[in-house]
Amino acid sequence: MSDENAKYWYNLETHAVEQGYASPAIDRAGPFDTAEEAARAPEILRERSKQWAEDDARDANWGADGATR
């Protein structure tokens, strides 16, 4: 098991990269393995959110074309 206190986090309030649990959980995104990855957190979160929305839309439309298994 990895030590998450050694991981990097993106502070959503200050927009700073932090190592360990420097800020309250509600203000942190992560963990990330590197400071560089944490610095890209807003971009990474947007990409993941877009993918989740596409997956949800695909799931919601499953079988909508009338095809059966």
C-alpha atoms as a PDB file:
ATOM      1  CA  MET A   1       0.000   0.000   0.000  1.00  0.00           C
ATOM      2  CA  SER A   2       1.363   3.403  -0.937  1.00  0.00           C
ATOM      3  CA  ASP A   3       1.830   6.264   1.482  1.00  0.00           C
ATOM      4  CA  GLU A   4      -0.699   8.866   0.325  1.00  0.00           C
ATOM      5  CA  ASN A   5       0.939  11.455   2.567  1.00  0.00           C
ATOM      6  CA  ALA A   6       3.865  11.325   0.120  1.00  0.00           C
ATOM      7  CA  LYS A   7       1.552  11.859  -2.854  1.00  0.00           C
ATOM      8  CA  TYR A   8       0.710  15.205  -4.459  1.00  0.00           C
ATOM      9  CA  TRP A   9      -2.619  16.997  -4.358  1.00  0.00           C
ATOM     10  CA  TYR A  10      -4.103  19.965  -6.192  1.00  0.00           C
ATOM     11  CA  ASN A  11      -5.698  22.541  -3.918  1.00  0.00           C
ATOM     12  CA  LEU A  12      -8.965  23.614  -5.542  1.00  0.00           C
ATOM     13  CA  GLU A  13      -9.107  26.852  -3.524  1.00  0.00           C
ATOM     14  CA  THR A  14      -5.545  28.140  -3.878  1.00  0.00           C
ATOM     15  CA  HIS A  15      -4.716  26.332  -7.164  1.00  0.00           C
ATOM     16  CA  ALA A  16      -1.439  25.216  -5.614  1.00  0.00           C
ATOM     17  CA  VAL A  17       0.194  21.801  -5.693  1.00  0.00           C
ATOM     18  CA  GLU A  18       0.686  20.351  -2.221  1.00  0.00           C
ATOM     19  CA  GLN A  19       2.398  17.262  -0.924  1.00  0.00           C
ATOM     20  CA  GLY A  20       0.570  15.257   1.686  1.00  0.00           C
ATOM     21  CA  TYR A  21      -2.510  16.285   3.596  1.00  0.00           C
ATOM     22  CA  ALA A  22      -1.728  20.006   3.893  1.00  0.00           C
ATOM     23  CA  SER A  23      -5.310  21.131   3.244  1.00  0.00           C
ATOM     24  CA  PRO A  24      -8.780  19.896   4.205  1.00  0.00           C
ATOM     25  CA  ALA A  25     -10.034  17.028   2.032  1.00  0.00           C
ATOM     26  CA  ILE A  26     -12.836  19.141   0.572  1.00  0.00           C
ATOM     27  CA  ASP A  27     -10.240  21.481  -0.960  1.00  0.00           C
ATOM     28  CA  ARG A  28      -8.031  18.744  -2.472  1.00  0.00           C
ATOM     29  CA  ALA A  29      -8.081  16.821  -5.751  1.00  0.00           C
ATOM     30  CA  GLY A  30      -5.900  13.783  -6.025  1.00  0.00           C
ATOM     31  CA  PRO A  31      -3.811  12.002  -5.127  1.00  0.00           C
ATOM     32  CA  PHE A  32      -1.321  12.236  -7.955  1.00  0.00           C
ATOM     33  CA  ASP A  33       2.038  10.494  -8.195  1.00  0.00           C
ATOM     34  CA  THR A  34       4.012  13.569  -9.269  1.00  0.00           C
ATOM     35  CA  ALA A  35       3.844  17.312  -8.711  1.00  0.00           C
ATOM     36  CA  GLU A  36       3.656  17.794 -12.484  1.00  0.00           C
ATOM     37  CA  GLU A  37       0.602  15.563 -12.721  1.00  0.00           C
ATOM     38  CA  ALA A  38      -1.040  17.401  -9.808  1.00  0.00           C
ATOM     39  CA  ALA A  39      -0.402  20.721 -11.561  1.00  0.00           C
ATOM     40  CA  ARG A  40      -2.414  19.388 -14.517  1.00  0.00           C
ATOM     41  CA  ALA A  41      -5.329  18.452 -12.222  1.00  0.00           C
ATOM     42  CA  PRO A  42      -7.879  20.874 -13.750  1.00  0.00           C
ATOM     43  CA  GLU A  43      -7.162  19.494 -17.231  1.00  0.00           C
ATOM     44  CA  ILE A  44      -7.196  15.891 -16.012  1.00  0.00           C
ATOM     45  CA  LEU A  45     -10.479  16.437 -14.159  1.00  0.00           C
ATOM     46  CA  ARG A  46     -12.083  17.976 -17.266  1.00  0.00           C
ATOM     47  CA  GLU A  47     -10.929  15.016 -19.403  1.00  0.00           C
ATOM     48  CA  ARG A  48     -12.255  12.474 -16.897  1.00  0.00           C
ATOM     49  CA  SER A  49     -15.532  14.330 -16.491  1.00  0.00           C
ATOM     50  CA  LYS A  50     -16.029  14.408 -20.260  1.00  0.00           C
ATOM     51  CA  GLN A  51     -15.321  10.673 -20.494  1.00  0.00           C
ATOM     52  CA  TRP A  52     -17.729   9.895 -17.634  1.00  0.00           C
ATOM     53  CA  ALA A  53     -20.460  11.987 -19.300  1.00  0.00           C
ATOM     54  CA  GLU A  54     -19.920  10.145 -22.592  1.00  0.00           C
ATOM     55  CA  ASP A  55     -20.038   6.789 -20.785  1.00  0.00           C
ATOM     56  CA  ASP A  56     -23.219   7.786 -18.941  1.00  0.00           C
ATOM     57  CA  ALA A  57     -24.871   8.928 -22.171  1.00  0.00           C
ATOM     58  CA  ARG A  58     -23.905   5.673 -23.891  1.00  0.00           C
ATOM     59  CA  ASP A  59     -25.278   3.667 -20.946  1.00  0.00           C
ATOM     60  CA  ALA A  60     -28.499   5.698 -20.906  1.00  0.00           C
ATOM     61  CA  ASN A  61     -29.025   5.032 -24.613  1.00  0.00           C
ATOM     62  CA  TRP A  62     -28.176   1.337 -24.475  1.00  0.00           C
ATOM     63  CA  GLY A  63     -30.809  -0.572 -26.402  1.00  0.00           C
ATOM     64  CA  ALA A  64     -32.524   2.635 -27.556  1.00  0.00           C
ATOM     65  CA  ASP A  65     -32.137   1.597 -31.183  1.00  0.00           C
ATOM     66  CA  GLY A  66     -34.477  -1.349 -30.631  1.00  0.00           C
ATOM     67  CA  ALA A  67     -31.747  -3.932 -30.966  1.00  0.00           C
ATOM     68  CA  THR A  68     -31.867  -6.858 -28.599  1.00  0.00           C
ATOM     69  CA  ARG A  69     -29.128  -9.154 -27.440  1.00  0.00           C
END
